[in-house]
Amino acid sequence: MAGIFTRPNVNAIIENAELTPQQKTDELMSLWGRGIDDGFVTRKAAESAQNAAIEAAKQEWEKAQQKPDIKESEEYKALQSDFDNYKVRETARRSEDFKDVKPKFFDTVYDHIDRAEGAKPISEQLAGLKTDYEEWFTPAETPTPKQPQFGASTSGTMPKGGEGAVAAMAKVWGIPNKK
């Protein structure tokens, strides 16, 4: 009778009328022995499994305790790339090529520039953008606006006694020269 040491199997052996009490005892002990062999773990096997688990946990803990190299992380590389792009952009902002670009349109103009290898020079690209989008650039010559003028102009000099308007007025009124 094959099986494992369970209540139904034990009851089947006990209720079997064909077996003598000695045979029932032998069958029960055999059943119990097979049940022990199937799932029994020896002390040596348990200790080796325990030592292996401890060693694995120790290695995992040591791995977790090592400080990661932050400069090798993807987040650091992305931030470094963003910072390098920012430095290049700010250098371009202050360069002579972009001096005519209005400050609020600089980012838009900068994004329109093709910086790939073999692309046109930046000055040619800016000239093309200047013709297409003139509102992004400051005009080359700013005309001086006409301002209203109240009173006499401020050009010239003050009248000097015998010259100019005073002399003409004296002549009209017939005032003799004091000389």
C-alpha atoms as a PDB file:
ATOM      1  CA  MET A   1       0.000   0.000   0.000  1.00  0.00           C
ATOM      2  CA  ALA A   2       1.782   3.082  -1.241  1.00  0.00           C
ATOM      3  CA  GLY A   3       0.964   6.497   0.032  1.00  0.00           C
ATOM      4  CA  ILE A   4       1.781   9.063   2.551  1.00  0.00           C
ATOM      5  CA  PHE A   5       1.066   9.229   6.224  1.00  0.00           C
ATOM      6  CA  THR A   6      -2.471  10.694   6.270  1.00  0.00           C
ATOM      7  CA  ARG A   7      -5.621   9.938   8.303  1.00  0.00           C
ATOM      8  CA  PRO A   8      -7.444   8.166   5.461  1.00  0.00           C
ATOM      9  CA  ASN A   9      -4.417   5.925   4.806  1.00  0.00           C
ATOM     10  CA  VAL A  10      -3.959   5.165   8.517  1.00  0.00           C
ATOM     11  CA  ASN A  11      -7.707   4.378   8.908  1.00  0.00           C
ATOM     12  CA  ALA A  12      -7.581   2.106   5.867  1.00  0.00           C
ATOM     13  CA  ILE A  13      -4.757   0.099   7.429  1.00  0.00           C
ATOM     14  CA  ILE A  14      -6.477  -0.097  10.827  1.00  0.00           C
ATOM     15  CA  GLU A  15      -9.880  -1.163   9.365  1.00  0.00           C
ATOM     16  CA  ASN A  16      -8.359  -3.840   7.126  1.00  0.00           C
ATOM     17  CA  ALA A  17      -9.595  -7.100   8.709  1.00  0.00           C
ATOM     18  CA  GLU A  18      -7.273  -9.331   6.696  1.00  0.00           C
ATOM     19  CA  LEU A  19      -4.191  -8.005   8.500  1.00  0.00           C
ATOM     20  CA  THR A  20      -3.022  -9.208  11.868  1.00  0.00           C
ATOM     21  CA  PRO A  21      -2.192  -6.646  14.525  1.00  0.00           C
ATOM     22  CA  GLN A  22       1.519  -7.200  13.883  1.00  0.00           C
ATOM     23  CA  GLN A  23       1.039  -6.649  10.124  1.00  0.00           C
ATOM     24  CA  LYS A  24      -1.010  -3.505  10.817  1.00  0.00           C
ATOM     25  CA  THR A  25       1.811  -2.174  12.983  1.00  0.00           C
ATOM     26  CA  ASP A  26       4.369  -2.981  10.269  1.00  0.00           C
ATOM     27  CA  GLU A  27       2.231  -1.313   7.599  1.00  0.00           C
ATOM     28  CA  LEU A  28       1.763   1.790   9.776  1.00  0.00           C
ATOM     29  CA  MET A  29       5.476   2.014  10.503  1.00  0.00           C
ATOM     30  CA  SER A  30       6.295   1.548   6.809  1.00  0.00           C
ATOM     31  CA  LEU A  31       3.800   4.226   5.851  1.00  0.00           C
ATOM     32  CA  TRP A  32       5.276   6.522   8.462  1.00  0.00           C
ATOM     33  CA  GLY A  33       8.825   5.844   7.195  1.00  0.00           C
ATOM     34  CA  ARG A  34       7.891   6.576   3.595  1.00  0.00           C
ATOM     35  CA  GLY A  35       6.215   9.821   4.699  1.00  0.00           C
ATOM     36  CA  ILE A  36       9.360  10.825   6.555  1.00  0.00           C
ATOM     37  CA  ASP A  37      11.595  10.007   3.581  1.00  0.00           C
ATOM     38  CA  ASP A  38       9.451  12.015   1.177  1.00  0.00           C
ATOM     39  CA  GLY A  39       9.519  15.315   3.029  1.00  0.00           C
ATOM     40  CA  PHE A  40      12.139  14.882   5.704  1.00  0.00           C
ATOM     41  CA  VAL A  41      15.031  17.308   5.683  1.00  0.00           C
ATOM     42  CA  THR A  42      18.183  16.257   7.437  1.00  0.00           C
ATOM     43  CA  ARG A  43      19.979  18.574   9.776  1.00  0.00           C
ATOM     44  CA  LYS A  44      22.970  18.779   7.425  1.00  0.00           C
ATOM     45  CA  ALA A  45      20.759  19.729   4.465  1.00  0.00           C
ATOM     46  CA  ALA A  46      18.939  22.334   6.562  1.00  0.00           C
ATOM     47  CA  GLU A  47      22.225  23.849   7.774  1.00  0.00           C
ATOM     48  CA  SER A  48      23.662  24.016   4.237  1.00  0.00           C
ATOM     49  CA  ALA A  49      20.464  25.657   2.941  1.00  0.00           C
ATOM     50  CA  GLN A  50      20.556  28.101   5.839  1.00  0.00           C
ATOM     51  CA  ASN A  51      24.225  28.953   5.205  1.00  0.00           C
ATOM     52  CA  ALA A  52      23.556  29.472   1.494  1.00  0.00           C
ATOM     53  CA  ALA A  53      20.648  31.810   2.271  1.00  0.00           C
ATOM     54  CA  ILE A  54      22.774  33.763   4.760  1.00  0.00           C
ATOM     55  CA  GLU A  55      25.609  34.094   2.235  1.00  0.00           C
ATOM     56  CA  ALA A  56      23.209  35.303  -0.490  1.00  0.00           C
ATOM     57  CA  ALA A  57      21.668  37.846   1.872  1.00  0.00           C
ATOM     58  CA  LYS A  58      25.150  39.012   2.930  1.00  0.00           C
ATOM     59  CA  GLN A  59      26.243  39.542  -0.687  1.00  0.00           C
ATOM     60  CA  GLU A  60      23.036  41.415  -1.469  1.00  0.00           C
ATOM     61  CA  TRP A  61      23.522  43.619   1.594  1.00  0.00           C
ATOM     62  CA  GLU A  62      27.153  44.382   0.634  1.00  0.00           C
ATOM     63  CA  LYS A  63      26.030  45.231  -2.882  1.00  0.00           C
ATOM     64  CA  ALA A  64      23.407  47.600  -1.487  1.00  0.00           C
ATOM     65  CA  GLN A  65      26.001  49.249   0.777  1.00  0.00           C
ATOM     66  CA  GLN A  66      28.307  50.160  -2.098  1.00  0.00           C
ATOM     67  CA  LYS A  67      27.957  53.764  -3.135  1.00  0.00           C
ATOM     68  CA  PRO A  68      26.858  54.003  -6.735  1.00  0.00           C
ATOM     69  CA  ASP A  69      28.856  56.182  -9.085  1.00  0.00           C
ATOM     70  CA  ILE A  70      26.441  59.066  -9.559  1.00  0.00           C
ATOM     71  CA  LYS A  71      28.220  60.288 -12.666  1.00  0.00           C
ATOM     72  CA  GLU A  72      27.325  57.041 -14.411  1.00  0.00           C
ATOM     73  CA  SER A  73      23.577  57.370 -13.790  1.00  0.00           C
ATOM     74  CA  GLU A  74      21.230  58.288 -16.624  1.00  0.00           C
ATOM     75  CA  GLU A  75      19.780  61.219 -14.656  1.00  0.00           C
ATOM     76  CA  TYR A  76      23.249  62.749 -14.180  1.00  0.00           C
ATOM     77  CA  LYS A  77      24.099  62.320 -17.843  1.00  0.00           C
ATOM     78  CA  ALA A  78      20.813  63.978 -18.866  1.00  0.00           C
ATOM     79  CA  LEU A  79      21.395  66.907 -16.484  1.00  0.00           C
ATOM     80  CA  GLN A  80      24.995  67.312 -17.684  1.00  0.00           C
ATOM     81  CA  SER A  81      23.821  67.361 -21.290  1.00  0.00           C
ATOM     82  CA  ASP A  82      21.172  69.992 -20.468  1.00  0.00           C
ATOM     83  CA  PHE A  83      23.776  72.134 -18.693  1.00  0.00           C
ATOM     84  CA  ASP A  84      26.222  71.882 -21.613  1.00  0.00           C
ATOM     85  CA  ASN A  85      23.452  72.908 -24.018  1.00  0.00           C
ATOM     86  CA  TYR A  86      22.603  75.842 -21.729  1.00  0.00           C
ATOM     87  CA  LYS A  87      26.238  77.032 -21.739  1.00  0.00           C
ATOM     88  CA  VAL A  88      26.401  76.861 -25.541  1.00  0.00           C
ATOM     89  CA  ARG A  89      23.092  78.732 -25.824  1.00  0.00           C
ATOM     90  CA  GLU A  90      24.216  81.493 -23.441  1.00  0.00           C
ATOM     91  CA  THR A  91      27.516  81.863 -25.280  1.00  0.00           C
ATOM     92  CA  ALA A  92      25.568  82.230 -28.522  1.00  0.00           C
ATOM     93  CA  ARG A  93      23.250  84.772 -26.890  1.00  0.00           C
ATOM     94  CA  ARG A  94      26.231  87.049 -26.215  1.00  0.00           C
ATOM     95  CA  SER A  95      27.945  86.421 -29.550  1.00  0.00           C
ATOM     96  CA  GLU A  96      28.261  88.916 -32.358  1.00  0.00           C
ATOM     97  CA  ASP A  97      26.139  86.755 -34.682  1.00  0.00           C
ATOM     98  CA  PHE A  98      23.008  87.119 -32.562  1.00  0.00           C
ATOM     99  CA  LYS A  99      23.373  90.806 -31.627  1.00  0.00           C
ATOM    100  CA  ASP A 100      20.470  91.882 -33.877  1.00  0.00           C
ATOM    101  CA  VAL A 101      18.028  89.333 -32.414  1.00  0.00           C
ATOM    102  CA  LYS A 102      15.451  90.732 -30.008  1.00  0.00           C
ATOM    103  CA  PRO A 103      15.925  89.166 -26.557  1.00  0.00           C
ATOM    104  CA  LYS A 104      12.416  87.756 -26.320  1.00  0.00           C
ATOM    105  CA  PHE A 105      12.826  85.955 -29.678  1.00  0.00           C
ATOM    106  CA  PHE A 106      16.339  84.610 -29.081  1.00  0.00           C
ATOM    107  CA  ASP A 107      15.228  81.080 -28.139  1.00  0.00           C
ATOM    108  CA  THR A 108      13.001  80.836 -31.202  1.00  0.00           C
ATOM    109  CA  VAL A 109      15.756  82.042 -33.528  1.00  0.00           C
ATOM    110  CA  TYR A 110      18.337  79.798 -31.856  1.00  0.00           C
ATOM    111  CA  ASP A 111      16.090  76.763 -32.337  1.00  0.00           C
ATOM    112  CA  HIS A 112      15.699  77.583 -36.042  1.00  0.00           C
ATOM    113  CA  ILE A 113      19.468  77.531 -36.618  1.00  0.00           C
ATOM    114  CA  ASP A 114      20.812  74.284 -38.092  1.00  0.00           C
ATOM    115  CA  ARG A 115      24.026  73.395 -36.247  1.00  0.00           C
ATOM    116  CA  ALA A 116      24.638  70.054 -37.968  1.00  0.00           C
ATOM    117  CA  GLU A 117      27.930  69.373 -39.639  1.00  0.00           C
ATOM    118  CA  GLY A 118      27.944  70.714 -43.185  1.00  0.00           C
ATOM    119  CA  ALA A 119      25.162  73.244 -42.532  1.00  0.00           C
ATOM    120  CA  LYS A 120      25.300  76.816 -43.815  1.00  0.00           C
ATOM    121  CA  PRO A 121      27.194  79.327 -41.657  1.00  0.00           C
ATOM    122  CA  ILE A 122      25.122  80.920 -38.914  1.00  0.00           C
ATOM    123  CA  SER A 123      25.364  84.395 -40.473  1.00  0.00           C
ATOM    124  CA  GLU A 124      23.776  83.122 -43.721  1.00  0.00           C
ATOM    125  CA  GLN A 125      21.034  81.323 -41.835  1.00  0.00           C
ATOM    126  CA  LEU A 126      20.334  84.445 -39.777  1.00  0.00           C
ATOM    127  CA  ALA A 127      20.146  86.541 -42.955  1.00  0.00           C
ATOM    128  CA  GLY A 128      17.517  84.136 -44.318  1.00  0.00           C
ATOM    129  CA  LEU A 129      15.552  84.281 -41.075  1.00  0.00           C
ATOM    130  CA  LYS A 130      15.820  88.068 -41.024  1.00  0.00           C
ATOM    131  CA  THR A 131      14.062  88.293 -44.385  1.00  0.00           C
ATOM    132  CA  ASP A 132      11.342  85.808 -43.389  1.00  0.00           C
ATOM    133  CA  TYR A 133      10.770  86.941 -39.798  1.00  0.00           C
ATOM    134  CA  GLU A 134      11.808  90.566 -39.561  1.00  0.00           C
ATOM    135  CA  GLU A 135       9.839  91.090 -36.328  1.00  0.00           C
ATOM    136  CA  TRP A 136      12.353  88.829 -34.525  1.00  0.00           C
ATOM    137  CA  PHE A 137      15.219  91.230 -35.248  1.00  0.00           C
ATOM    138  CA  THR A 138      15.959  94.833 -34.381  1.00  0.00           C
ATOM    139  CA  PRO A 139      16.054  97.097 -37.452  1.00  0.00           C
ATOM    140  CA  ALA A 140      19.513  98.031 -38.689  1.00  0.00           C
ATOM    141  CA  GLU A 141      18.805 101.763 -38.617  1.00  0.00           C
ATOM    142  CA  THR A 142      16.282 103.165 -36.270  1.00  0.00           C
ATOM    143  CA  PRO A 143      14.964 106.434 -37.698  1.00  0.00           C
ATOM    144  CA  THR A 144      14.775 109.240 -35.166  1.00  0.00           C
ATOM    145  CA  PRO A 145      11.150 110.033 -34.607  1.00  0.00           C
ATOM    146  CA  LYS A 146       9.922 113.517 -35.419  1.00  0.00           C
ATOM    147  CA  GLN A 147       9.175 115.328 -32.231  1.00  0.00           C
ATOM    148  CA  PRO A 148       6.938 118.322 -32.021  1.00  0.00           C
ATOM    149  CA  GLN A 149       8.816 121.561 -31.385  1.00  0.00           C
ATOM    150  CA  PHE A 150       7.459 124.264 -29.188  1.00  0.00           C
ATOM    151  CA  GLY A 151       9.153 127.651 -29.447  1.00  0.00           C
ATOM    152  CA  ALA A 152      12.438 128.489 -31.124  1.00  0.00           C
ATOM    153  CA  SER A 153      14.902 125.880 -32.038  1.00  0.00           C
ATOM    154  CA  THR A 154      17.852 125.450 -29.753  1.00  0.00           C
ATOM    155  CA  SER A 155      20.423 125.620 -32.499  1.00  0.00           C
ATOM    156  CA  GLY A 156      22.643 128.624 -33.019  1.00  0.00           C
ATOM    157  CA  THR A 157      23.996 131.219 -30.569  1.00  0.00           C
ATOM    158  CA  MET A 158      22.652 134.068 -28.519  1.00  0.00           C
ATOM    159  CA  PRO A 159      22.434 137.440 -30.280  1.00  0.00           C
ATOM    160  CA  LYS A 160      25.353 139.756 -29.705  1.00  0.00           C
ATOM    161  CA  GLY A 161      24.665 143.453 -29.476  1.00  0.00           C
ATOM    162  CA  GLY A 162      25.447 144.860 -32.937  1.00  0.00           C
ATOM    163  CA  GLU A 163      24.887 141.726 -34.912  1.00  0.00           C
ATOM    164  CA  GLY A 164      21.902 139.855 -36.134  1.00  0.00           C
ATOM    165  CA  ALA A 165      18.392 140.640 -34.898  1.00  0.00           C
ATOM    166  CA  VAL A 166      19.388 143.563 -32.685  1.00  0.00           C
ATOM    167  CA  ALA A 167      21.163 145.321 -35.547  1.00  0.00           C
ATOM    168  CA  ALA A 168      18.201 144.748 -37.869  1.00  0.00           C
ATOM    169  CA  MET A 169      15.794 146.136 -35.294  1.00  0.00           C
ATOM    170  CA  ALA A 170      17.967 149.199 -34.688  1.00  0.00           C
ATOM    171  CA  LYS A 171      18.138 149.822 -38.396  1.00  0.00           C
ATOM    172  CA  VAL A 172      14.375 149.554 -38.834  1.00  0.00           C
ATOM    173  CA  TRP A 173      13.671 151.976 -35.950  1.00  0.00           C
ATOM    174  CA  GLY A 174      16.434 154.262 -36.865  1.00  0.00           C
ATOM    175  CA  ILE A 175      18.404 153.904 -33.685  1.00  0.00           C
ATOM    176  CA  PRO A 176      21.936 155.168 -34.245  1.00  0.00           C
ATOM    177  CA  ASN A 177      24.927 152.955 -33.637  1.00  0.00           C
ATOM    178  CA  LYS A 178      26.705 153.580 -30.381  1.00  0.00           C
ATOM    179  CA  LYS A 179      30.080 153.145 -31.885  1.00  0.00           C
END
